[in-house]
Amino acid sequence: MDVSQSAFDWRYLLGVAIPLVLLLVGALSKSLIASEILFEHFFFGLDFSLAALASLLANVVDLLKDLKDPQFPERMGYAIAFFVICFCVYFVILVIHQRAEKKYKQASDTYAAAEKSASAVDAAKQHFKSAKVSRGVWLGLVSNVIGFSLVFGFIMMKTRGTL
């Protein structure tokens, strides 16, 4: 196995390992604060996208140190394009979070009201369970994968020399 193939494998390993370690450390930190482990502690789509933005901005500061580098315009162009993508994706993830949390809260409130009045408890309970699963899929899976992809993309671009 030659050196370039070895470096290629390490980029993918770092691109996957770093976001996963951040996810686990963040989830454990939230769990320690709350004194219990909840599925909600693993909703990191927004955190991942902000981590990608922060890493990119730190990279831009590093790029600005060497303005005379012949690759500077190209690398800065990629950095600006990636910033726009990260910024837009951050707001997409924010909308996903808002919609999922709103539906979950409405279902939770409906279920709580149904329990108090003892009317339509089964239907409200089923709706609440459905909203809880939907929230888990949108925030625990979709949002995390999108945010994870941004961090992974940054690491890939940085290790390939694009940024």
N, C-alpha and C. Protein backbone atom coordinates (compact mmCIF):
# COMPACT_ATOMS: atom_id res chain seq x y z
N MET A 1 0.86 -1.18 0.00
CA MET A 1 0.00 0.00 0.00
C MET A 1 0.90 1.24 0.00
N ASP A 2 0.66 2.15 -0.96
CA ASP A 2 1.50 3.34 -1.04
C ASP A 2 1.02 4.41 -0.07
N VAL A 3 1.82 5.47 0.05
CA VAL A 3 1.55 6.52 1.03
C VAL A 3 0.25 7.25 0.73
N SER A 4 -0.03 7.53 -0.56
CA SER A 4 -1.24 8.29 -0.90
C SER A 4 -2.49 7.51 -0.51
N GLN A 5 -2.49 6.20 -0.72
CA GLN A 5 -3.64 5.38 -0.33
C GLN A 5 -3.81 5.39 1.19
N SER A 6 -2.71 5.32 1.91
CA SER A 6 -2.76 5.35 3.36
C SER A 6 -3.33 6.67 3.86
N ALA A 7 -2.88 7.80 3.28
CA ALA A 7 -3.39 9.11 3.67
C ALA A 7 -4.88 9.23 3.36
N PHE A 8 -5.31 8.66 2.23
CA PHE A 8 -6.72 8.70 1.85
C PHE A 8 -7.58 8.00 2.89
N ASP A 9 -7.12 6.85 3.37
CA ASP A 9 -7.86 6.12 4.39
C ASP A 9 -7.94 6.91 5.70
N TRP A 10 -6.85 7.57 6.07
CA TRP A 10 -6.84 8.35 7.30
C TRP A 10 -7.80 9.53 7.22
N ARG A 11 -7.93 10.14 6.06
CA ARG A 11 -8.86 11.27 5.92
C ARG A 11 -10.29 10.82 6.21
N TYR A 12 -10.66 9.68 5.65
CA TYR A 12 -12.01 9.18 5.90
C TYR A 12 -12.19 8.80 7.37
N LEU A 13 -11.19 8.18 7.94
CA LEU A 13 -11.26 7.82 9.35
C LEU A 13 -11.44 9.07 10.21
N LEU A 14 -10.63 10.10 9.96
CA LEU A 14 -10.76 11.36 10.71
C LEU A 14 -12.10 12.03 10.44
N GLY A 15 -12.52 12.01 9.18
CA GLY A 15 -13.78 12.64 8.81
C GLY A 15 -14.98 12.03 9.49
N VAL A 16 -14.90 10.76 9.81
CA VAL A 16 -16.00 10.07 10.50
C VAL A 16 -15.79 10.08 12.01
N ALA A 17 -14.56 9.86 12.45
CA ALA A 17 -14.29 9.73 13.88
C ALA A 17 -14.47 11.04 14.65
N ILE A 18 -13.99 12.13 14.09
CA ILE A 18 -14.07 13.40 14.82
C ILE A 18 -15.52 13.81 15.10
N PRO A 19 -16.40 13.82 14.11
CA PRO A 19 -17.80 14.16 14.43
C PRO A 19 -18.46 13.17 15.40
N LEU A 20 -18.13 11.88 15.27
CA LEU A 20 -18.73 10.90 16.18
C LEU A 20 -18.25 11.11 17.62
N VAL A 21 -16.98 11.42 17.78
CA VAL A 21 -16.46 11.69 19.12
C VAL A 21 -17.13 12.94 19.69
N LEU A 22 -17.28 13.98 18.85
CA LEU A 22 -17.99 15.19 19.30
C LEU A 22 -19.42 14.88 19.71
N LEU A 23 -20.09 14.03 18.95
CA LEU A 23 -21.46 13.64 19.28
C LEU A 23 -21.52 12.94 20.63
N LEU A 24 -20.64 11.98 20.85
CA LEU A 24 -20.66 11.23 22.11
C LEU A 24 -20.30 12.10 23.31
N VAL A 25 -19.27 12.93 23.16
CA VAL A 25 -18.87 13.82 24.26
C VAL A 25 -19.99 14.80 24.57
N GLY A 26 -20.60 15.37 23.54
CA GLY A 26 -21.71 16.30 23.75
C GLY A 26 -22.90 15.63 24.42
N ALA A 27 -23.25 14.43 23.95
CA ALA A 27 -24.38 13.71 24.54
C ALA A 27 -24.10 13.34 25.99
N LEU A 28 -22.89 12.89 26.27
CA LEU A 28 -22.54 12.56 27.66
C LEU A 28 -22.55 13.81 28.54
N SER A 29 -22.09 14.92 28.00
CA SER A 29 -22.12 16.18 28.76
C SER A 29 -23.55 16.59 29.10
N LYS A 30 -24.43 16.52 28.09
CA LYS A 30 -25.83 16.86 28.34
C LYS A 30 -26.46 15.90 29.35
N SER A 31 -26.08 14.63 29.26
CA SER A 31 -26.62 13.63 30.18
C SER A 31 -26.13 13.88 31.61
N LEU A 32 -24.88 14.27 31.77
CA LEU A 32 -24.36 14.59 33.10
C LEU A 32 -25.08 15.80 33.70
N ILE A 33 -25.33 16.79 32.87
CA ILE A 33 -26.04 17.98 33.36
C ILE A 33 -27.45 17.62 33.80
N ALA A 34 -28.14 16.79 33.00
CA ALA A 34 -29.52 16.42 33.32
C ALA A 34 -29.61 15.26 34.31
N SER A 35 -28.51 14.63 34.62
CA SER A 35 -28.45 13.47 35.52
C SER A 35 -29.21 12.26 35.00
N GLU A 36 -29.44 12.21 33.69
CA GLU A 36 -30.05 11.04 33.07
C GLU A 36 -29.74 11.06 31.58
N ILE A 37 -29.77 9.90 30.97
CA ILE A 37 -29.52 9.80 29.54
C ILE A 37 -30.85 9.77 28.81
N LEU A 38 -31.05 10.75 27.94
CA LEU A 38 -32.26 10.84 27.14
C LEU A 38 -31.90 10.86 25.67
N PHE A 39 -32.82 10.40 24.82
CA PHE A 39 -32.58 10.40 23.38
C PHE A 39 -32.37 11.82 22.87
N GLU A 40 -33.02 12.79 23.49
CA GLU A 40 -32.90 14.20 23.09
C GLU A 40 -31.46 14.70 23.21
N HIS A 41 -30.67 14.06 24.02
CA HIS A 41 -29.28 14.49 24.20
C HIS A 41 -28.43 14.20 22.97
N PHE A 42 -29.00 13.47 22.02
CA PHE A 42 -28.26 13.12 20.81
C PHE A 42 -28.70 13.91 19.58
N PHE A 43 -29.44 14.99 19.77
CA PHE A 43 -29.87 15.84 18.66
C PHE A 43 -28.78 16.89 18.42
N PHE A 44 -27.87 16.63 17.49
CA PHE A 44 -26.71 17.49 17.29
C PHE A 44 -26.59 18.09 15.90
N GLY A 45 -27.64 18.10 15.12
CA GLY A 45 -27.56 18.66 13.78
C GLY A 45 -27.12 20.12 13.79
N LEU A 46 -27.73 20.92 14.66
CA LEU A 46 -27.35 22.33 14.76
C LEU A 46 -25.93 22.48 15.26
N ASP A 47 -25.55 21.68 16.23
CA ASP A 47 -24.19 21.75 16.78
C ASP A 47 -23.15 21.38 15.74
N PHE A 48 -23.44 20.33 14.96
CA PHE A 48 -22.51 19.94 13.91
C PHE A 48 -22.34 21.04 12.87
N SER A 49 -23.45 21.64 12.46
CA SER A 49 -23.35 22.69 11.44
C SER A 49 -22.59 23.90 11.97
N LEU A 50 -22.80 24.24 13.24
CA LEU A 50 -22.03 25.34 13.82
C LEU A 50 -20.55 24.97 13.98
N ALA A 51 -20.26 23.71 14.26
CA ALA A 51 -18.87 23.27 14.35
C ALA A 51 -18.19 23.39 12.99
N ALA A 52 -18.91 23.04 11.92
CA ALA A 52 -18.35 23.18 10.57
C ALA A 52 -18.09 24.64 10.26
N LEU A 53 -19.04 25.52 10.61
CA LEU A 53 -18.85 26.96 10.38
C LEU A 53 -17.67 27.50 11.17
N ALA A 54 -17.56 27.12 12.42
CA ALA A 54 -16.45 27.60 13.26
C ALA A 54 -15.11 27.12 12.72
N SER A 55 -15.05 25.86 12.30
CA SER A 55 -13.81 25.32 11.74
C SER A 55 -13.45 26.05 10.45
N LEU A 56 -14.45 26.32 9.64
CA LEU A 56 -14.22 27.02 8.39
C LEU A 56 -13.71 28.44 8.63
N LEU A 57 -14.30 29.13 9.58
CA LEU A 57 -13.86 30.50 9.87
C LEU A 57 -12.43 30.52 10.43
N ALA A 58 -12.10 29.54 11.24
CA ALA A 58 -10.72 29.43 11.72
C ALA A 58 -9.78 29.15 10.55
N ASN A 59 -10.23 28.35 9.61
CA ASN A 59 -9.43 28.05 8.42
C ASN A 59 -9.23 29.31 7.57
N VAL A 60 -10.25 30.14 7.45
CA VAL A 60 -10.13 31.39 6.68
C VAL A 60 -9.08 32.30 7.31
N VAL A 61 -9.07 32.38 8.63
CA VAL A 61 -8.04 33.18 9.31
C VAL A 61 -6.66 32.64 8.96
N ASP A 62 -6.52 31.33 8.92
CA ASP A 62 -5.26 30.70 8.55
C ASP A 62 -4.91 31.00 7.08
N LEU A 63 -5.90 30.97 6.22
CA LEU A 63 -5.66 31.28 4.80
C LEU A 63 -5.18 32.72 4.61
N LEU A 64 -5.72 33.63 5.40
CA LEU A 64 -5.39 35.05 5.25
C LEU A 64 -3.95 35.36 5.63
N LYS A 65 -3.27 34.43 6.29
CA LYS A 65 -1.88 34.66 6.67
C LYS A 65 -0.95 34.66 5.45
N ASP A 66 -1.35 33.97 4.40
CA ASP A 66 -0.47 33.85 3.23
C ASP A 66 -1.23 34.29 1.97
N LEU A 67 -1.41 35.60 1.82
CA LEU A 67 -2.15 36.14 0.69
C LEU A 67 -1.40 35.97 -0.63
N LYS A 68 -0.10 35.78 -0.58
CA LYS A 68 0.69 35.67 -1.80
C LYS A 68 0.77 34.25 -2.35
N ASP A 69 0.16 33.32 -1.65
CA ASP A 69 0.13 31.93 -2.11
C ASP A 69 -0.64 31.90 -3.44
N PRO A 70 -0.09 31.26 -4.48
CA PRO A 70 -0.78 31.22 -5.77
C PRO A 70 -2.14 30.49 -5.71
N GLN A 71 -2.32 29.62 -4.73
CA GLN A 71 -3.59 28.91 -4.59
C GLN A 71 -4.59 29.68 -3.73
N PHE A 72 -4.19 30.83 -3.21
CA PHE A 72 -5.07 31.58 -2.31
C PHE A 72 -6.44 31.89 -2.91
N PRO A 73 -6.52 32.46 -4.12
CA PRO A 73 -7.85 32.79 -4.66
C PRO A 73 -8.77 31.56 -4.79
N GLU A 74 -8.21 30.46 -5.26
CA GLU A 74 -9.02 29.25 -5.43
C GLU A 74 -9.48 28.71 -4.07
N ARG A 75 -8.54 28.64 -3.13
CA ARG A 75 -8.89 28.12 -1.80
C ARG A 75 -9.89 29.03 -1.09
N MET A 76 -9.73 30.35 -1.25
CA MET A 76 -10.68 31.27 -0.63
C MET A 76 -12.06 31.16 -1.30
N GLY A 77 -12.06 30.91 -2.60
CA GLY A 77 -13.33 30.70 -3.30
C GLY A 77 -14.07 29.48 -2.77
N TYR A 78 -13.33 28.39 -2.56
CA TYR A 78 -13.94 27.20 -1.97
C TYR A 78 -14.44 27.48 -0.55
N ALA A 79 -13.66 28.23 0.19
CA ALA A 79 -14.05 28.56 1.57
C ALA A 79 -15.33 29.37 1.59
N ILE A 80 -15.43 30.36 0.70
CA ILE A 80 -16.64 31.19 0.65
C ILE A 80 -17.84 30.34 0.23
N ALA A 81 -17.66 29.49 -0.77
CA ALA A 81 -18.75 28.63 -1.22
C ALA A 81 -19.20 27.69 -0.10
N PHE A 82 -18.24 27.11 0.60
CA PHE A 82 -18.59 26.20 1.69
C PHE A 82 -19.27 26.96 2.83
N PHE A 83 -18.85 28.20 3.08
CA PHE A 83 -19.50 29.02 4.11
C PHE A 83 -20.97 29.24 3.75
N VAL A 84 -21.23 29.59 2.50
CA VAL A 84 -22.61 29.83 2.07
C VAL A 84 -23.44 28.56 2.24
N ILE A 85 -22.86 27.43 1.85
CA ILE A 85 -23.57 26.15 1.99
C ILE A 85 -23.85 25.86 3.47
N CYS A 86 -22.84 25.99 4.32
CA CYS A 86 -23.01 25.73 5.75
C CYS A 86 -24.05 26.66 6.37
N PHE A 87 -24.00 27.91 6.00
CA PHE A 87 -24.93 28.90 6.55
C PHE A 87 -26.37 28.57 6.15
N CYS A 88 -26.57 28.24 4.89
CA CYS A 88 -27.91 27.88 4.42
C CYS A 88 -28.40 26.58 5.06
N VAL A 89 -27.52 25.60 5.14
CA VAL A 89 -27.89 24.31 5.73
C VAL A 89 -28.21 24.47 7.21
N TYR A 90 -27.50 25.37 7.90
CA TYR A 90 -27.79 25.64 9.30
C TYR A 90 -29.26 26.06 9.46
N PHE A 91 -29.72 26.93 8.58
CA PHE A 91 -31.11 27.38 8.69
C PHE A 91 -32.10 26.30 8.28
N VAL A 92 -31.72 25.44 7.36
CA VAL A 92 -32.58 24.29 7.03
C VAL A 92 -32.73 23.39 8.26
N ILE A 93 -31.63 23.11 8.93
CA ILE A 93 -31.68 22.29 10.14
C ILE A 93 -32.48 22.98 11.23
N LEU A 94 -32.36 24.29 11.33
CA LEU A 94 -33.13 25.05 12.31
C LEU A 94 -34.62 24.91 12.05
N VAL A 95 -35.02 24.98 10.79
CA VAL A 95 -36.44 24.81 10.44
C VAL A 95 -36.89 23.39 10.77
N ILE A 96 -36.06 22.40 10.49
CA ILE A 96 -36.40 21.00 10.83
C ILE A 96 -36.63 20.89 12.34
N HIS A 97 -35.75 21.49 13.13
CA HIS A 97 -35.91 21.45 14.59
C HIS A 97 -37.19 22.15 15.04
N GLN A 98 -37.46 23.31 14.49
CA GLN A 98 -38.66 24.05 14.88
C GLN A 98 -39.92 23.26 14.58
N ARG A 99 -40.00 22.70 13.38
CA ARG A 99 -41.20 21.96 13.00
C ARG A 99 -41.38 20.71 13.85
N ALA A 100 -40.29 19.97 14.06
CA ALA A 100 -40.38 18.72 14.83
C ALA A 100 -40.74 19.01 16.29
N GLU A 101 -40.12 20.03 16.88
CA GLU A 101 -40.42 20.36 18.28
C GLU A 101 -41.85 20.89 18.43
N LYS A 102 -42.32 21.66 17.46
CA LYS A 102 -43.69 22.20 17.52
C LYS A 102 -44.71 21.06 17.48
N LYS A 103 -44.52 20.11 16.55
CA LYS A 103 -45.44 18.97 16.45
C LYS A 103 -45.40 18.12 17.72
N TYR A 104 -44.20 17.93 18.27
CA TYR A 104 -44.05 17.13 19.49
C TYR A 104 -44.75 17.83 20.66
N LYS A 105 -44.56 19.13 20.79
CA LYS A 105 -45.19 19.87 21.89
C LYS A 105 -46.71 19.85 21.77
N GLN A 106 -47.23 20.03 20.55
CA GLN A 106 -48.68 19.97 20.36
C GLN A 106 -49.24 18.61 20.73
N ALA A 107 -48.57 17.55 20.31
CA ALA A 107 -49.03 16.20 20.65
C ALA A 107 -48.92 15.95 22.14
N SER A 108 -47.87 16.45 22.77
CA SER A 108 -47.70 16.29 24.21
C SER A 108 -48.80 17.03 24.98
N ASP A 109 -49.10 18.24 24.54
CA ASP A 109 -50.17 19.02 25.19
C ASP A 109 -51.53 18.36 25.01
N THR A 110 -51.80 17.84 23.82
CA THR A 110 -53.07 17.16 23.56
C THR A 110 -53.20 15.92 24.43
N TYR A 111 -52.12 15.17 24.56
CA TYR A 111 -52.13 13.96 25.38
C TYR A 111 -52.34 14.32 26.85
N ALA A 112 -51.67 15.35 27.33
CA ALA A 112 -51.84 15.77 28.73
C ALA A 112 -53.27 16.22 28.99
N ALA A 113 -53.86 16.96 28.07
CA ALA A 113 -55.25 17.41 28.23
C ALA A 113 -56.22 16.24 28.20
N ALA A 114 -55.96 15.27 27.33
CA ALA A 114 -56.83 14.10 27.23
C ALA A 114 -56.75 13.25 28.50
N GLU A 115 -55.59 13.16 29.11
CA GLU A 115 -55.45 12.40 30.36
C GLU A 115 -56.25 13.05 31.48
N LYS A 116 -56.27 14.37 31.52
CA LYS A 116 -56.99 15.08 32.57
C LYS A 116 -58.50 14.92 32.43
N SER A 117 -58.97 14.94 31.20
CA SER A 117 -60.42 14.86 30.99
C SER A 117 -60.90 13.43 30.75
N ALA A 118 -59.97 12.51 30.59
CA ALA A 118 -60.27 11.09 30.37
C ALA A 118 -61.06 10.85 29.09
N SER A 119 -60.95 11.77 28.15
CA SER A 119 -61.63 11.57 26.87
C SER A 119 -60.58 11.40 25.76
N ALA A 120 -60.79 10.41 24.96
CA ALA A 120 -59.93 10.14 23.81
C ALA A 120 -58.45 9.98 24.20
N VAL A 121 -58.22 9.33 25.32
CA VAL A 121 -56.85 9.15 25.79
C VAL A 121 -56.06 8.26 24.85
N ASP A 122 -56.67 7.19 24.37
CA ASP A 122 -55.95 6.26 23.49
C ASP A 122 -55.51 6.93 22.19
N ALA A 123 -56.40 7.70 21.59
CA ALA A 123 -56.05 8.39 20.34
C ALA A 123 -54.96 9.42 20.59
N ALA A 124 -55.06 10.15 21.69
CA ALA A 124 -54.05 11.17 22.01
C ALA A 124 -52.72 10.52 22.32
N LYS A 125 -52.77 9.36 23.01
CA LYS A 125 -51.54 8.65 23.33
C LYS A 125 -50.86 8.15 22.05
N GLN A 126 -51.64 7.62 21.13
CA GLN A 126 -51.10 7.14 19.86
C GLN A 126 -50.50 8.30 19.05
N HIS A 127 -51.18 9.43 19.05
CA HIS A 127 -50.67 10.62 18.34
C HIS A 127 -49.36 11.09 18.98
N PHE A 128 -49.30 11.06 20.30
CA PHE A 128 -48.09 11.47 21.00
C PHE A 128 -46.92 10.54 20.67
N LYS A 129 -47.17 9.23 20.67
CA LYS A 129 -46.12 8.27 20.33
C LYS A 129 -45.62 8.49 18.90
N SER A 130 -46.55 8.73 17.99
CA SER A 130 -46.19 8.99 16.60
C SER A 130 -45.34 10.25 16.48
N ALA A 131 -45.73 11.30 17.20
CA ALA A 131 -44.97 12.56 17.18
C ALA A 131 -43.59 12.38 17.78
N LYS A 132 -43.49 11.53 18.81
CA LYS A 132 -42.21 11.27 19.45
C LYS A 132 -41.27 10.54 18.50
N VAL A 133 -41.79 9.55 17.77
CA VAL A 133 -40.98 8.81 16.79
C VAL A 133 -40.57 9.74 15.65
N SER A 134 -41.51 10.54 15.17
CA SER A 134 -41.22 11.49 14.09
C SER A 134 -40.13 12.47 14.51
N ARG A 135 -40.23 12.96 15.73
CA ARG A 135 -39.22 13.88 16.26
C ARG A 135 -37.86 13.20 16.32
N GLY A 136 -37.83 11.96 16.77
CA GLY A 136 -36.58 11.22 16.83
C GLY A 136 -35.96 11.01 15.46
N VAL A 137 -36.79 10.71 14.48
CA VAL A 137 -36.27 10.50 13.12
C VAL A 137 -35.74 11.81 12.55
N TRP A 138 -36.52 12.89 12.66
CA TRP A 138 -36.11 14.17 12.06
C TRP A 138 -34.92 14.80 12.79
N LEU A 139 -34.90 14.72 14.11
CA LEU A 139 -33.83 15.38 14.86
C LEU A 139 -32.67 14.44 15.15
N GLY A 140 -32.96 13.20 15.45
CA GLY A 140 -31.91 12.26 15.79
C GLY A 140 -31.24 11.62 14.59
N LEU A 141 -31.92 11.63 13.46
CA LEU A 141 -31.35 10.99 12.27
C LEU A 141 -31.09 12.01 11.17
N VAL A 142 -32.14 12.60 10.63
CA VAL A 142 -32.00 13.49 9.47
C VAL A 142 -31.12 14.70 9.80
N SER A 143 -31.46 15.40 10.87
CA SER A 143 -30.71 16.59 11.25
C SER A 143 -29.25 16.26 11.58
N ASN A 144 -29.03 15.18 12.30
CA ASN A 144 -27.66 14.78 12.64
C ASN A 144 -26.85 14.41 11.40
N VAL A 145 -27.46 13.69 10.47
CA VAL A 145 -26.75 13.28 9.26
C VAL A 145 -26.38 14.50 8.42
N ILE A 146 -27.28 15.46 8.32
CA ILE A 146 -26.98 16.68 7.55
C ILE A 146 -25.83 17.44 8.21
N GLY A 147 -25.92 17.66 9.52
CA GLY A 147 -24.85 18.37 10.22
C GLY A 147 -23.54 17.61 10.21
N PHE A 148 -23.62 16.29 10.39
CA PHE A 148 -22.44 15.43 10.33
C PHE A 148 -21.77 15.56 8.96
N SER A 149 -22.57 15.62 7.91
CA SER A 149 -22.04 15.74 6.55
C SER A 149 -21.24 17.02 6.36
N LEU A 150 -21.68 18.10 7.00
CA LEU A 150 -20.93 19.36 6.90
C LEU A 150 -19.55 19.24 7.55
N VAL A 151 -19.50 18.66 8.73
CA VAL A 151 -18.21 18.49 9.40
C VAL A 151 -17.33 17.54 8.60
N PHE A 152 -17.92 16.45 8.13
CA PHE A 152 -17.19 15.48 7.32
C PHE A 152 -16.66 16.17 6.05
N GLY A 153 -17.50 16.96 5.40
CA GLY A 153 -17.09 17.68 4.20
C GLY A 153 -15.95 18.63 4.46
N PHE A 154 -16.01 19.35 5.58
CA PHE A 154 -14.92 20.26 5.91
C PHE A 154 -13.62 19.49 6.10
N ILE A 155 -13.66 18.39 6.84
CA ILE A 155 -12.46 17.61 7.09
C ILE A 155 -11.90 17.05 5.78
N MET A 156 -12.77 16.58 4.90
CA MET A 156 -12.31 16.05 3.61
C MET A 156 -11.65 17.16 2.79
N MET A 157 -12.28 18.33 2.74
CA MET A 157 -11.73 19.44 1.95
C MET A 157 -10.40 19.92 2.52
N LYS A 158 -10.32 19.96 3.84
CA LYS A 158 -9.10 20.42 4.49
C LYS A 158 -7.95 19.43 4.29
N THR A 159 -8.22 18.16 4.44
CA THR A 159 -7.15 17.17 4.30
C THR A 159 -6.73 16.97 2.84
N ARG A 160 -7.58 17.30 1.90
CA ARG A 160 -7.22 17.22 0.48
C ARG A 160 -6.51 18.49 0.00
N GLY A 161 -6.47 19.52 0.83
CA GLY A 161 -5.81 20.76 0.44
C GLY A 161 -6.69 21.72 -0.32
N THR A 162 -8.00 21.42 -0.39
CA THR A 162 -8.93 22.31 -1.08
C THR A 162 -9.13 23.59 -0.30
N LEU A 163 -9.12 23.51 1.02
CA LEU A 163 -9.29 24.69 1.87
C LEU A 163 -7.96 25.09 2.48
